[in-house]
Protein backbone atom coordinates (compact mmCIF):
# COMPACT_ATOMS: atom_id res chain seq x y z
CA MET A 1 0.09 0.14 0.29
CA ALA A 2 1.51 3.13 -1.06
CA LEU A 3 1.10 6.51 1.11
CA ASN A 4 -0.48 9.72 -0.34
CA LYS A 5 1.35 12.75 -0.17
CA ASN A 6 -0.50 13.75 3.11
CA GLN A 7 0.49 10.68 5.01
CA GLU A 8 3.54 11.06 3.97
CA GLU A 9 4.14 14.25 5.58
CA LEU A 10 2.81 13.44 8.22
CA TYR A 11 5.65 10.65 8.68
CA LYS A 12 8.67 12.55 8.03
CA LYS A 13 7.34 15.02 10.46
CA THR A 14 6.76 12.19 13.07
CA MET A 15 10.15 10.87 12.16
CA ASP A 16 11.68 14.23 12.59
CA GLU A 17 10.06 15.12 15.88
CA ALA A 18 11.14 11.81 17.23
CA LYS A 19 14.83 12.38 16.03
CA ALA A 20 14.87 16.00 17.93
CA GLN A 21 13.38 13.88 21.07
CA LEU A 22 16.25 11.01 20.98
CA GLU A 23 18.80 14.09 20.29
CA THR A 24 17.63 15.89 23.40
CA ILE A 25 17.18 12.52 25.55
CA ASP A 26 20.81 11.90 24.77
CA GLU A 27 21.97 15.31 25.44
CA GLU A 28 20.05 15.15 28.90
CA MET A 29 21.71 11.61 29.23
CA GLU A 30 25.13 13.24 29.25
CA LYS A 31 24.20 15.40 31.48
CA VAL A 32 23.06 13.21 34.13
CA ILE A 33 26.32 10.87 33.80
CA GLN A 34 28.88 14.00 33.93
CA ASN A 35 27.22 14.93 37.60
CA ALA A 36 27.36 11.15 38.31
CA ARG A 37 30.71 10.73 37.51
CA GLU A 38 31.72 14.14 39.39
CA LYS A 39 29.89 12.80 42.67
CA LEU A 40 31.56 9.40 42.32
CA ALA A 41 35.44 11.36 42.24
CA GLY A 42 34.15 13.45 45.15
CA LEU A 43 33.10 10.51 46.98
CA GLN A 44 36.51 8.56 46.39
CA GLU A 45 38.29 11.52 47.08
CA SER A 46 36.30 11.92 50.56
CA LYS A 47 36.89 7.88 51.02
CA ARG A 48 40.69 8.28 50.36
CA SER A 49 40.83 10.72 52.90
CA PHE A 50 38.86 9.25 55.51
CA LYS A 51 41.16 5.89 54.64
CA GLN A 52 44.35 8.07 55.53
CA LEU A 53 42.88 9.10 58.72
CA TYR A 54 41.38 5.45 59.86
CA GLU A 55 44.86 4.28 58.98
CA GLY A 56 46.77 6.71 60.86
CA ALA A 57 44.86 6.70 64.05
CA SER A 58 45.55 2.93 64.31
CA ARG A 59 48.83 3.42 63.53
CA LEU A 60 48.85 6.15 66.29
CA LEU A 61 47.08 3.62 68.46
CA GLY A 62 49.20 0.64 67.79
CA ILE A 63 46.16 -1.39 66.28
CA ARG A 64 46.66 -3.40 63.29
CA ILE A 65 44.18 -3.15 60.66
CA GLU A 66 43.05 -4.95 57.72
CA ILE A 67 41.47 -3.07 54.78
CA GLU A 68 40.73 -5.46 51.78
CA GLU A 69 41.94 -4.20 48.53
CA GLU A 70 39.36 -6.41 46.65
CA GLN A 71 36.48 -4.52 48.43
CA GLN A 72 37.63 -1.56 47.53
CA GLU A 73 38.06 -1.98 43.89
CA GLU A 74 34.98 -3.43 43.35
CA PRO A 75 32.70 -0.63 42.97
CA LYS A 76 34.75 0.98 40.54
CA GLU A 77 35.26 -2.19 38.56
CA LYS A 78 31.06 -2.91 38.24
CA ILE A 79 31.30 1.10 37.26
CA LYS A 80 33.93 0.51 34.69
CA GLU A 81 31.42 -2.70 32.98
CA GLN A 82 28.61 -0.78 33.16
CA VAL A 83 29.36 2.37 31.16
CA GLN A 84 30.97 2.23 28.00
CA PRO A 85 33.90 4.38 26.70
CA ASP A 86 31.05 6.40 24.18
CA ASN A 87 29.13 7.13 27.97
CA SER A 88 26.49 4.87 26.90
CA LEU A 89 25.10 2.28 29.35
CA GLU A 90 25.61 -1.80 28.11
CA LYS A 91 22.66 -3.40 27.60
CA GLU A 92 23.47 -7.02 27.28
CA ASP A 93 19.79 -8.36 26.38
CA GLU A 94 18.56 -6.07 23.81
CA PRO A 95 20.48 -5.70 20.12
CA GLU A 96 20.68 -2.06 19.27
CA GLU A 97 18.53 -0.91 16.23
CA GLU A 98 20.29 1.90 14.20
CA ILE A 99 17.80 4.86 13.52
CA ALA A 100 18.95 7.15 10.49
């Protein structure tokens, strides 16, 4: 079934509007990801500072502590697995479709 001129214009307009919305969503996602990275960096810095404080106090008190390096590295590794270099979230179950 061929589309008439009005239907074709309607679908082209719909397609253009959908593409604009996709771009807007991409921009918003990028902002959220950047904010999350900044928050994460701040939290990591706080963690390093408090770890130094904790370790320094334990040394002064002569208390031996064991901090598991695995436990500290785990959140970073999970984040690296979830966020791709192009800043898109990994989709394991859904095949990606190209929109032209």
